[in-house]
N, C-alpha and C. Protein backbone atom coordinates (compact mmCIF):
# COMPACT_ATOMS: atom_id res chain seq x y z
N MET A 1 12.46 31.30 -10.40
CA MET A 1 12.78 30.89 -9.04
C MET A 1 12.59 29.38 -8.97
N ASN A 2 13.54 28.68 -8.38
CA ASN A 2 13.44 27.21 -8.34
C ASN A 2 12.51 26.75 -7.22
N GLU A 3 12.14 25.45 -7.30
CA GLU A 3 11.15 24.91 -6.37
C GLU A 3 11.68 24.83 -4.94
N LEU A 4 12.97 24.59 -4.77
CA LEU A 4 13.54 24.54 -3.42
C LEU A 4 13.41 25.90 -2.72
N LYS A 5 13.68 26.96 -3.48
CA LYS A 5 13.58 28.30 -2.93
C LYS A 5 12.12 28.62 -2.57
N ILE A 6 11.18 28.20 -3.45
CA ILE A 6 9.75 28.43 -3.18
C ILE A 6 9.32 27.67 -1.93
N ASP A 7 9.73 26.39 -1.81
CA ASP A 7 9.39 25.61 -0.63
C ASP A 7 9.93 26.26 0.64
N GLU A 8 11.16 26.72 0.56
CA GLU A 8 11.78 27.36 1.72
C GLU A 8 11.03 28.63 2.10
N LEU A 9 10.68 29.46 1.09
CA LEU A 9 9.95 30.70 1.37
C LEU A 9 8.55 30.41 1.91
N LEU A 10 7.87 29.37 1.36
CA LEU A 10 6.53 29.03 1.86
C LEU A 10 6.59 28.57 3.31
N ASN A 11 7.59 27.75 3.63
CA ASN A 11 7.73 27.30 5.02
C ASN A 11 7.97 28.48 5.95
N LYS A 12 8.85 29.40 5.54
CA LYS A 12 9.11 30.57 6.36
C LYS A 12 7.86 31.45 6.47
N TYR A 13 7.09 31.55 5.36
CA TYR A 13 5.89 32.38 5.35
C TYR A 13 4.86 31.84 6.35
N PHE A 14 4.62 30.53 6.32
CA PHE A 14 3.61 29.96 7.20
C PHE A 14 4.10 29.86 8.65
N GLU A 15 5.38 29.98 8.88
CA GLU A 15 5.90 30.07 10.24
C GLU A 15 5.92 31.52 10.72
N GLY A 16 5.67 32.46 9.81
CA GLY A 16 5.64 33.87 10.18
C GLY A 16 7.02 34.48 10.28
N GLU A 17 7.98 33.97 9.52
CA GLU A 17 9.37 34.42 9.64
C GLU A 17 9.89 35.10 8.38
N THR A 18 9.01 35.40 7.42
CA THR A 18 9.50 36.01 6.18
C THR A 18 9.62 37.52 6.34
N SER A 19 10.51 38.09 5.55
CA SER A 19 10.64 39.55 5.52
C SER A 19 9.67 40.07 4.46
N LEU A 20 9.55 41.40 4.38
CA LEU A 20 8.65 41.99 3.38
C LEU A 20 9.13 41.70 1.96
N ASP A 21 10.44 41.69 1.76
CA ASP A 21 10.98 41.38 0.43
C ASP A 21 10.67 39.94 0.02
N GLU A 22 10.79 39.02 0.97
CA GLU A 22 10.49 37.61 0.65
C GLU A 22 9.00 37.43 0.36
N GLU A 23 8.15 38.12 1.08
CA GLU A 23 6.71 38.04 0.80
C GLU A 23 6.41 38.65 -0.57
N LYS A 24 7.12 39.71 -0.92
CA LYS A 24 6.93 40.31 -2.25
C LYS A 24 7.35 39.33 -3.35
N GLN A 25 8.44 38.58 -3.12
CA GLN A 25 8.87 37.56 -4.09
C GLN A 25 7.80 36.48 -4.27
N LEU A 26 7.22 36.06 -3.15
CA LEU A 26 6.16 35.05 -3.24
C LEU A 26 4.95 35.58 -4.00
N LYS A 27 4.54 36.82 -3.73
CA LYS A 27 3.40 37.40 -4.42
C LYS A 27 3.65 37.50 -5.92
N GLU A 28 4.85 37.91 -6.29
CA GLU A 28 5.19 38.02 -7.70
C GLU A 28 5.24 36.64 -8.36
N TYR A 29 5.78 35.66 -7.66
CA TYR A 29 5.88 34.31 -8.23
C TYR A 29 4.48 33.73 -8.49
N PHE A 30 3.58 33.92 -7.54
CA PHE A 30 2.25 33.34 -7.67
C PHE A 30 1.33 34.18 -8.53
N SER A 31 1.76 35.34 -8.98
CA SER A 31 0.97 36.14 -9.92
C SER A 31 1.24 35.73 -11.36
N GLN A 32 2.21 34.85 -11.59
CA GLN A 32 2.53 34.36 -12.94
C GLN A 32 1.42 33.43 -13.44
N GLN A 33 1.41 33.21 -14.75
CA GLN A 33 0.38 32.34 -15.35
C GLN A 33 0.71 30.86 -15.21
N ASP A 34 1.95 30.48 -15.44
CA ASP A 34 2.32 29.05 -15.43
C ASP A 34 2.98 28.69 -14.09
N ILE A 35 2.13 28.19 -13.17
CA ILE A 35 2.58 27.78 -11.84
C ILE A 35 2.48 26.27 -11.79
N PRO A 36 3.47 25.57 -11.22
CA PRO A 36 3.39 24.12 -11.11
C PRO A 36 2.13 23.69 -10.33
N VAL A 37 1.66 22.47 -10.63
CA VAL A 37 0.41 21.97 -10.07
C VAL A 37 0.44 21.93 -8.54
N GLU A 38 1.57 21.54 -7.94
CA GLU A 38 1.62 21.43 -6.48
C GLU A 38 1.55 22.78 -5.77
N TYR A 39 1.74 23.90 -6.53
CA TYR A 39 1.68 25.22 -5.92
C TYR A 39 0.40 25.98 -6.26
N GLU A 40 -0.49 25.38 -7.04
CA GLU A 40 -1.72 26.08 -7.43
C GLU A 40 -2.62 26.41 -6.24
N LYS A 41 -2.56 25.59 -5.20
CA LYS A 41 -3.41 25.84 -4.04
C LYS A 41 -3.03 27.14 -3.31
N TYR A 42 -1.80 27.62 -3.51
CA TYR A 42 -1.36 28.86 -2.86
C TYR A 42 -1.59 30.09 -3.74
N SER A 43 -1.88 29.90 -5.03
CA SER A 43 -1.97 31.04 -5.96
C SER A 43 -3.13 31.95 -5.60
N GLY A 44 -4.27 31.40 -5.18
CA GLY A 44 -5.41 32.24 -4.81
C GLY A 44 -5.09 33.13 -3.62
N HIS A 45 -4.42 32.54 -2.62
CA HIS A 45 -4.07 33.29 -1.41
C HIS A 45 -3.15 34.46 -1.74
N PHE A 46 -2.10 34.17 -2.48
CA PHE A 46 -1.13 35.23 -2.78
C PHE A 46 -1.68 36.21 -3.81
N GLY A 47 -2.62 35.75 -4.67
CA GLY A 47 -3.27 36.66 -5.61
C GLY A 47 -4.09 37.71 -4.88
N ILE A 48 -4.81 37.27 -3.86
CA ILE A 48 -5.60 38.22 -3.07
C ILE A 48 -4.69 39.19 -2.34
N LEU A 49 -3.59 38.68 -1.77
CA LEU A 49 -2.66 39.58 -1.06
C LEU A 49 -2.06 40.61 -2.00
N LEU A 50 -1.74 40.19 -3.24
CA LEU A 50 -1.17 41.12 -4.22
C LEU A 50 -2.21 42.19 -4.59
N ALA A 51 -3.45 41.77 -4.79
CA ALA A 51 -4.50 42.74 -5.15
C ALA A 51 -4.75 43.71 -4.00
N GLU A 52 -4.75 43.23 -2.78
CA GLU A 52 -4.98 44.09 -1.62
C GLU A 52 -3.81 45.07 -1.42
N SER A 53 -2.60 44.64 -1.74
CA SER A 53 -1.46 45.53 -1.53
C SER A 53 -1.43 46.67 -2.54
N LYS A 54 -2.14 46.52 -3.67
CA LYS A 54 -2.16 47.57 -4.68
C LYS A 54 -3.20 48.65 -4.38
N ILE A 55 -4.11 48.36 -3.45
CA ILE A 55 -5.13 49.35 -3.09
C ILE A 55 -4.48 50.42 -2.22
N GLU A 56 -4.70 51.66 -2.61
CA GLU A 56 -4.13 52.77 -1.85
C GLU A 56 -5.26 53.60 -1.25
N THR A 57 -5.05 54.02 -0.05
CA THR A 57 -6.03 54.90 0.59
C THR A 57 -5.50 56.32 0.53
N GLY A 58 -6.42 57.23 0.50
CA GLY A 58 -6.03 58.64 0.43
C GLY A 58 -5.61 59.16 1.79
N LYS A 59 -5.07 60.39 1.77
CA LYS A 59 -4.63 61.01 3.00
C LYS A 59 -5.80 61.31 3.92
N GLU A 60 -6.95 61.61 3.33
CA GLU A 60 -8.10 61.92 4.17
C GLU A 60 -8.56 60.70 4.97
N PHE A 61 -8.32 59.49 4.45
CA PHE A 61 -8.66 58.28 5.22
C PHE A 61 -7.84 58.23 6.51
N ASP A 62 -6.53 58.49 6.40
CA ASP A 62 -5.67 58.46 7.58
C ASP A 62 -6.09 59.51 8.60
N VAL A 63 -6.46 60.68 8.12
CA VAL A 63 -6.86 61.75 9.04
C VAL A 63 -8.16 61.38 9.74
N VAL A 64 -9.15 60.90 8.98
CA VAL A 64 -10.44 60.54 9.57
C VAL A 64 -10.26 59.38 10.55
N PHE A 65 -9.47 58.40 10.16
CA PHE A 65 -9.26 57.22 11.00
C PHE A 65 -8.56 57.60 12.31
N SER A 66 -7.52 58.42 12.23
CA SER A 66 -6.81 58.83 13.45
C SER A 66 -7.69 59.72 14.32
N ASN A 67 -8.52 60.56 13.72
CA ASN A 67 -9.43 61.40 14.52
C ASN A 67 -10.46 60.54 15.26
N GLU A 68 -10.94 59.50 14.63
CA GLU A 68 -11.91 58.62 15.28
C GLU A 68 -11.27 57.88 16.45
N ILE A 69 -10.02 57.52 16.32
CA ILE A 69 -9.33 56.82 17.40
C ILE A 69 -9.06 57.76 18.57
N ILE A 70 -8.63 58.97 18.26
CA ILE A 70 -8.26 59.93 19.29
C ILE A 70 -9.48 60.56 19.96
N LYS A 71 -10.60 60.66 19.25
CA LYS A 71 -11.79 61.34 19.76
C LYS A 71 -12.29 60.66 21.03
N PRO A 72 -12.49 61.46 22.08
CA PRO A 72 -12.97 60.86 23.33
C PRO A 72 -14.42 60.40 23.20
N LYS A 73 -14.75 59.33 23.89
CA LYS A 73 -16.11 58.81 23.90
C LYS A 73 -16.92 59.60 24.92
N ILE A 74 -18.11 59.97 24.53
CA ILE A 74 -19.00 60.71 25.43
C ILE A 74 -20.15 59.78 25.79
N TYR A 75 -20.27 59.51 27.07
CA TYR A 75 -21.34 58.67 27.56
C TYR A 75 -22.41 59.54 28.17
N LYS A 76 -23.65 59.21 27.88
CA LYS A 76 -24.76 59.99 28.40
C LYS A 76 -25.17 59.43 29.75
N HIS A 77 -25.06 60.26 30.76
CA HIS A 77 -25.48 59.89 32.11
C HIS A 77 -26.55 60.87 32.56
N GLY A 78 -27.56 60.99 31.76
CA GLY A 78 -28.59 61.96 32.06
C GLY A 78 -29.60 61.44 33.06
N PHE A 79 -30.68 62.19 33.16
CA PHE A 79 -31.74 61.93 34.12
C PHE A 79 -32.41 60.58 33.85
N ILE A 80 -32.61 60.27 32.60
CA ILE A 80 -33.30 59.01 32.24
C ILE A 80 -32.46 57.81 32.66
N TYR A 81 -31.16 57.86 32.47
CA TYR A 81 -30.29 56.75 32.86
C TYR A 81 -30.30 56.56 34.38
N ARG A 82 -30.28 57.65 35.12
CA ARG A 82 -30.32 57.55 36.57
C ARG A 82 -31.64 56.95 37.05
N ILE A 83 -32.73 57.32 36.42
CA ILE A 83 -34.03 56.75 36.78
C ILE A 83 -34.04 55.24 36.48
N GLY A 84 -33.48 54.86 35.37
CA GLY A 84 -33.41 53.43 35.00
C GLY A 84 -32.64 52.62 36.03
N TYR A 85 -31.50 53.16 36.47
CA TYR A 85 -30.72 52.46 37.49
C TYR A 85 -31.47 52.39 38.81
N ALA A 86 -32.17 53.46 39.17
CA ALA A 86 -32.92 53.47 40.43
C ALA A 86 -34.07 52.46 40.38
N ILE A 87 -34.77 52.40 39.27
CA ILE A 87 -35.88 51.44 39.13
C ILE A 87 -35.35 50.01 39.21
N THR A 88 -34.22 49.76 38.57
CA THR A 88 -33.63 48.43 38.61
C THR A 88 -33.24 48.06 40.04
N ALA A 89 -32.66 48.98 40.78
CA ALA A 89 -32.26 48.70 42.16
C ALA A 89 -33.47 48.42 43.04
N VAL A 90 -34.53 49.22 42.88
CA VAL A 90 -35.74 49.02 43.68
C VAL A 90 -36.38 47.67 43.34
N ALA A 91 -36.39 47.31 42.07
CA ALA A 91 -36.97 46.02 41.66
C ALA A 91 -36.17 44.86 42.24
N ALA A 92 -34.86 44.97 42.28
CA ALA A 92 -34.03 43.90 42.84
C ALA A 92 -34.29 43.74 44.33
N VAL A 93 -34.38 44.83 45.07
CA VAL A 93 -34.65 44.76 46.51
C VAL A 93 -36.04 44.18 46.75
N ALA A 94 -37.03 44.60 45.96
CA ALA A 94 -38.39 44.08 46.11
C ALA A 94 -38.42 42.58 45.84
N ALA A 95 -37.70 42.11 44.82
CA ALA A 95 -37.67 40.69 44.50
C ALA A 95 -37.04 39.90 45.64
N ILE A 96 -36.00 40.42 46.25
CA ILE A 96 -35.35 39.73 47.38
C ILE A 96 -36.29 39.65 48.57
N LEU A 97 -37.00 40.74 48.86
CA LEU A 97 -37.94 40.75 49.98
C LEU A 97 -39.10 39.79 49.74
N ILE A 98 -39.61 39.75 48.53
CA ILE A 98 -40.71 38.83 48.21
C ILE A 98 -40.27 37.38 48.36
N MET A 99 -39.08 37.07 47.87
CA MET A 99 -38.57 35.69 47.99
C MET A 99 -38.37 35.33 49.45
N ALA A 100 -37.89 36.24 50.26
CA ALA A 100 -37.70 35.95 51.69
C ALA A 100 -39.04 35.71 52.36
N TYR A 101 -40.06 36.51 52.03
CA TYR A 101 -41.38 36.32 52.61
C TYR A 101 -41.98 34.98 52.21
N VAL A 102 -41.85 34.60 50.95
CA VAL A 102 -42.40 33.33 50.49
C VAL A 102 -41.70 32.17 51.19
N GLN A 103 -40.40 32.24 51.35
CA GLN A 103 -39.68 31.18 52.04
C GLN A 103 -40.10 31.09 53.50
N TYR A 104 -40.26 32.23 54.16
CA TYR A 104 -40.64 32.23 55.57
C TYR A 104 -42.06 31.73 55.75
N SER A 105 -42.97 32.12 54.86
CA SER A 105 -44.36 31.72 55.01
C SER A 105 -44.58 30.25 54.69
N SER A 106 -43.67 29.63 53.98
CA SER A 106 -43.84 28.21 53.64
C SER A 106 -43.28 27.29 54.72
N LEU A 107 -42.70 27.83 55.77
CA LEU A 107 -42.19 27.00 56.85
C LEU A 107 -43.36 26.33 57.59
N PRO A 108 -43.23 25.03 57.95
CA PRO A 108 -44.34 24.36 58.61
C PRO A 108 -44.60 24.89 60.01
N ASN A 109 -43.55 25.26 60.73
CA ASN A 109 -43.70 25.76 62.09
C ASN A 109 -43.41 27.25 62.06
N LYS A 110 -44.46 28.05 62.21
CA LYS A 110 -44.28 29.49 62.07
C LYS A 110 -43.44 30.11 63.17
N ASN A 111 -43.56 29.57 64.40
CA ASN A 111 -42.72 30.13 65.45
C ASN A 111 -41.38 29.39 65.42
N LEU A 112 -40.35 30.12 65.22
CA LEU A 112 -39.03 29.54 65.06
C LEU A 112 -38.30 29.41 66.39
N ARG A 113 -39.03 29.55 67.49
CA ARG A 113 -38.39 29.41 68.79
C ARG A 113 -38.11 27.94 69.07
N LEU A 114 -37.17 27.65 69.89
CA LEU A 114 -36.80 26.28 70.24
C LEU A 114 -37.33 25.90 71.61
N ASP A 115 -38.48 26.46 71.98
CA ASP A 115 -39.07 26.18 73.30
C ASP A 115 -39.50 24.72 73.43
N TYR A 116 -39.84 24.09 72.34
CA TYR A 116 -40.34 22.72 72.41
C TYR A 116 -39.28 21.74 72.89
N LEU A 117 -38.02 22.11 72.89
CA LEU A 117 -36.96 21.19 73.31
C LEU A 117 -36.96 20.96 74.82
N LYS A 118 -37.54 21.85 75.59
CA LYS A 118 -37.50 21.66 77.03
C LYS A 118 -38.65 20.80 77.55
N TYR A 119 -39.53 20.37 76.64
CA TYR A 119 -40.64 19.51 77.04
C TYR A 119 -40.42 18.10 76.50
N ASP A 120 -40.91 17.09 77.21
CA ASP A 120 -40.85 15.71 76.73
C ASP A 120 -41.84 15.53 75.59
N THR A 121 -41.46 14.70 74.64
CA THR A 121 -42.37 14.42 73.55
C THR A 121 -43.27 13.24 73.85
N TYR A 122 -42.87 12.40 74.82
CA TYR A 122 -43.69 11.25 75.21
C TYR A 122 -44.12 11.41 76.66
N LYS A 123 -45.39 11.14 76.92
CA LYS A 123 -45.89 11.20 78.30
C LYS A 123 -45.60 9.90 79.04
N ASP A 124 -45.57 8.78 78.32
CA ASP A 124 -45.34 7.47 78.92
C ASP A 124 -43.86 7.10 78.76
N PRO A 125 -43.09 6.90 79.83
CA PRO A 125 -41.68 6.54 79.71
C PRO A 125 -41.47 5.20 79.03
N LYS A 126 -42.36 4.24 79.20
CA LYS A 126 -42.22 2.93 78.56
C LYS A 126 -42.32 3.07 77.04
N LEU A 127 -43.26 3.90 76.59
CA LEU A 127 -43.41 4.14 75.15
C LEU A 127 -42.16 4.83 74.59
N ALA A 128 -41.58 5.76 75.32
CA ALA A 128 -40.36 6.43 74.89
C ALA A 128 -39.21 5.44 74.79
N LEU A 129 -39.12 4.51 75.78
CA LEU A 129 -38.06 3.49 75.75
C LEU A 129 -38.24 2.59 74.55
N ASP A 130 -39.47 2.18 74.26
CA ASP A 130 -39.73 1.30 73.11
C ASP A 130 -39.35 2.00 71.80
N GLU A 131 -39.70 3.28 71.66
CA GLU A 131 -39.34 4.03 70.45
C GLU A 131 -37.83 4.17 70.31
N THR A 132 -37.14 4.39 71.42
CA THR A 132 -35.69 4.51 71.40
C THR A 132 -35.06 3.19 70.97
N LYS A 133 -35.57 2.07 71.53
CA LYS A 133 -35.04 0.76 71.15
C LYS A 133 -35.26 0.49 69.67
N LYS A 134 -36.43 0.84 69.17
CA LYS A 134 -36.74 0.61 67.75
C LYS A 134 -35.79 1.43 66.87
N THR A 135 -35.55 2.66 67.26
CA THR A 135 -34.65 3.52 66.48
C THR A 135 -33.23 2.98 66.52
N LEU A 136 -32.77 2.56 67.68
CA LEU A 136 -31.41 2.01 67.79
C LEU A 136 -31.28 0.70 67.03
N LEU A 137 -32.34 -0.11 66.96
CA LEU A 137 -32.31 -1.35 66.20
C LEU A 137 -32.14 -1.07 64.72
N ILE A 138 -32.85 -0.05 64.23
CA ILE A 138 -32.71 0.32 62.82
C ILE A 138 -31.29 0.79 62.53
N VAL A 139 -30.73 1.59 63.42
CA VAL A 139 -29.35 2.06 63.25
C VAL A 139 -28.40 0.88 63.26
N SER A 140 -28.62 -0.08 64.16
CA SER A 140 -27.75 -1.26 64.27
C SER A 140 -27.80 -2.09 63.00
N VAL A 141 -28.99 -2.29 62.45
CA VAL A 141 -29.12 -3.07 61.21
C VAL A 141 -28.34 -2.40 60.08
N GLU A 142 -28.46 -1.09 59.96
CA GLU A 142 -27.76 -0.38 58.89
C GLU A 142 -26.25 -0.44 59.08
N ILE A 143 -25.79 -0.35 60.32
CA ILE A 143 -24.35 -0.46 60.58
C ILE A 143 -23.84 -1.85 60.25
N ASN A 144 -24.62 -2.88 60.57
CA ASN A 144 -24.22 -4.25 60.26
C ASN A 144 -24.14 -4.47 58.75
N LYS A 145 -25.04 -3.87 58.00
CA LYS A 145 -24.96 -3.97 56.54
C LYS A 145 -23.64 -3.37 56.04
N GLY A 146 -23.26 -2.26 56.60
CA GLY A 146 -21.99 -1.65 56.22
C GLY A 146 -20.80 -2.50 56.62
N MET A 147 -20.90 -3.18 57.77
CA MET A 147 -19.80 -4.03 58.21
C MET A 147 -19.65 -5.25 57.30
N GLU A 148 -20.76 -5.77 56.76
CA GLU A 148 -20.68 -6.89 55.82
C GLU A 148 -19.86 -6.47 54.60
N GLN A 149 -20.07 -5.27 54.13
CA GLN A 149 -19.30 -4.78 53.00
C GLN A 149 -17.82 -4.68 53.35
N LEU A 150 -17.52 -4.29 54.58
CA LEU A 150 -16.13 -4.22 55.01
C LEU A 150 -15.51 -5.61 55.09
N GLY A 151 -16.32 -6.63 55.40
CA GLY A 151 -15.82 -8.01 55.41
C GLY A 151 -15.35 -8.43 54.04
N LYS A 152 -16.09 -8.04 53.00
CA LYS A 152 -15.67 -8.33 51.63
C LYS A 152 -14.36 -7.62 51.33
N LEU A 153 -14.22 -6.43 51.85
CA LEU A 153 -13.00 -5.66 51.63
C LEU A 153 -11.81 -6.33 52.31
N SER A 154 -12.02 -6.93 53.48
CA SER A 154 -10.90 -7.59 54.16
C SER A 154 -10.48 -8.83 53.38
N LYS A 155 -11.43 -9.56 52.75
CA LYS A 155 -11.06 -10.70 51.88
C LYS A 155 -10.20 -10.21 50.73
N PHE A 156 -10.55 -9.09 50.16
CA PHE A 156 -9.78 -8.52 49.07
C PHE A 156 -8.38 -8.16 49.54
N ASP A 157 -8.28 -7.60 50.73
CA ASP A 157 -6.99 -7.22 51.29
C ASP A 157 -6.10 -8.45 51.48
N LYS A 158 -6.69 -9.58 51.95
CA LYS A 158 -5.92 -10.81 52.12
C LYS A 158 -5.41 -11.30 50.78
N SER A 159 -6.22 -11.19 49.74
CA SER A 159 -5.80 -11.61 48.41
C SER A 159 -4.64 -10.77 47.91
N ILE A 160 -4.69 -9.49 48.16
CA ILE A 160 -3.60 -8.60 47.75
C ILE A 160 -2.32 -8.98 48.48
N ASN A 161 -2.41 -9.32 49.76
CA ASN A 161 -1.22 -9.73 50.52
C ASN A 161 -0.62 -10.99 49.93
N GLU A 162 -1.46 -11.95 49.48
CA GLU A 162 -0.96 -13.16 48.86
C GLU A 162 -0.24 -12.83 47.56
N LEU A 163 -0.78 -11.88 46.80
CA LEU A 163 -0.12 -11.48 45.56
C LEU A 163 1.22 -10.82 45.84
N GLU A 164 1.33 -10.08 46.92
CA GLU A 164 2.60 -9.46 47.28
C GLU A 164 3.64 -10.52 47.63
N LYS A 165 3.20 -11.63 48.26
CA LYS A 165 4.13 -12.72 48.57
C LYS A 165 4.64 -13.35 47.29
N ILE A 166 3.76 -13.51 46.30
CA ILE A 166 4.19 -14.06 45.01
C ILE A 166 5.16 -13.11 44.34
N SER A 167 4.91 -11.81 44.46
CA SER A 167 5.80 -10.82 43.88
C SER A 167 7.19 -10.90 44.53
N ASP A 168 7.21 -11.05 45.87
CA ASP A 168 8.50 -11.21 46.56
C ASP A 168 9.21 -12.46 46.08
N PHE A 169 8.46 -13.55 45.89
CA PHE A 169 9.06 -14.79 45.42
C PHE A 169 9.68 -14.58 44.05
N ASN A 170 8.96 -13.89 43.15
CA ASN A 170 9.50 -13.64 41.81
C ASN A 170 10.75 -12.78 41.87
N LYS A 171 10.80 -11.83 42.79
CA LYS A 171 11.97 -10.96 42.93
C LYS A 171 13.19 -11.80 43.33
N TYR A 172 13.00 -12.66 44.33
CA TYR A 172 14.12 -13.48 44.79
C TYR A 172 14.50 -14.52 43.74
N GLN A 173 13.51 -15.01 43.01
CA GLN A 173 13.78 -15.99 41.96
C GLN A 173 14.63 -15.35 40.86
N SER A 174 14.29 -14.11 40.49
CA SER A 174 15.07 -13.44 39.44
C SER A 174 16.49 -13.17 39.92
N LYS A 175 16.67 -12.85 41.20
CA LYS A 175 18.02 -12.66 41.73
C LYS A 175 18.79 -13.97 41.70
N PHE A 176 18.09 -15.07 42.01
CA PHE A 176 18.74 -16.38 42.03
C PHE A 176 19.21 -16.75 40.63
N PHE A 177 18.36 -16.54 39.64
CA PHE A 177 18.73 -16.89 38.26
C PHE A 177 19.77 -15.94 37.72
N LYS A 178 19.76 -14.68 38.10
CA LYS A 178 20.81 -13.76 37.69
C LYS A 178 22.16 -14.22 38.24
N GLY A 179 22.13 -14.61 39.49
CA GLY A 179 23.37 -15.08 40.11
C GLY A 179 23.90 -16.31 39.41
N GLY A 180 23.01 -17.20 38.97
CA GLY A 180 23.44 -18.42 38.27
C GLY A 180 24.06 -18.08 36.94
N LYS A 181 23.51 -17.09 36.22
CA LYS A 181 24.07 -16.73 34.92
C LYS A 181 25.42 -16.08 35.09
N GLU A 182 25.58 -15.28 36.14
CA GLU A 182 26.88 -14.64 36.36
C GLU A 182 27.94 -15.71 36.69
N ASN A 183 27.54 -16.76 37.40
CA ASN A 183 28.49 -17.79 37.74
C ASN A 183 28.87 -18.61 36.52
N GLU A 184 27.97 -18.76 35.56
CA GLU A 184 28.28 -19.53 34.36
C GLU A 184 29.31 -18.81 33.51
N ASN A 185 29.30 -17.48 33.49
CA ASN A 185 30.23 -16.73 32.66
C ASN A 185 31.55 -16.77 33.23
């Protein structure tokens, strides 16, 4: 068999497009003693395939194998399995209840009522006003910090607008020079 035919068969083989006869030709070719150096790497693979294809199984193997496939699976659902499932379910419920109790008991305010909202927290109105002003001042400072960052963003936006003007200039300049070249021709 020539090397072109072997290359073609190997390509078809590794693409999965060979027929059984073509695979048999490859196995026979690679079972020879004098194989060219560039094909020696394939000889082990095809040697194993040839050896495996010569192994024959008896009829009893087919019968046993088909019986194992057809035989229905029997699952044991006896008393012990039911007890195991019940214990697992009880343990899961107990774990959930324990976690809920631990979470509830760790709350700082045990009464979860919202009655405290109807009472004033400050007895002195002047002190309440001072606390409100202090809180609003903190909020104002934080908002101003954010606005400073927006000022930087507006500078960036102005720069982008300048670049767009340069882009427009380049567009018109290219049209102008294109028109000049067309007039020269």
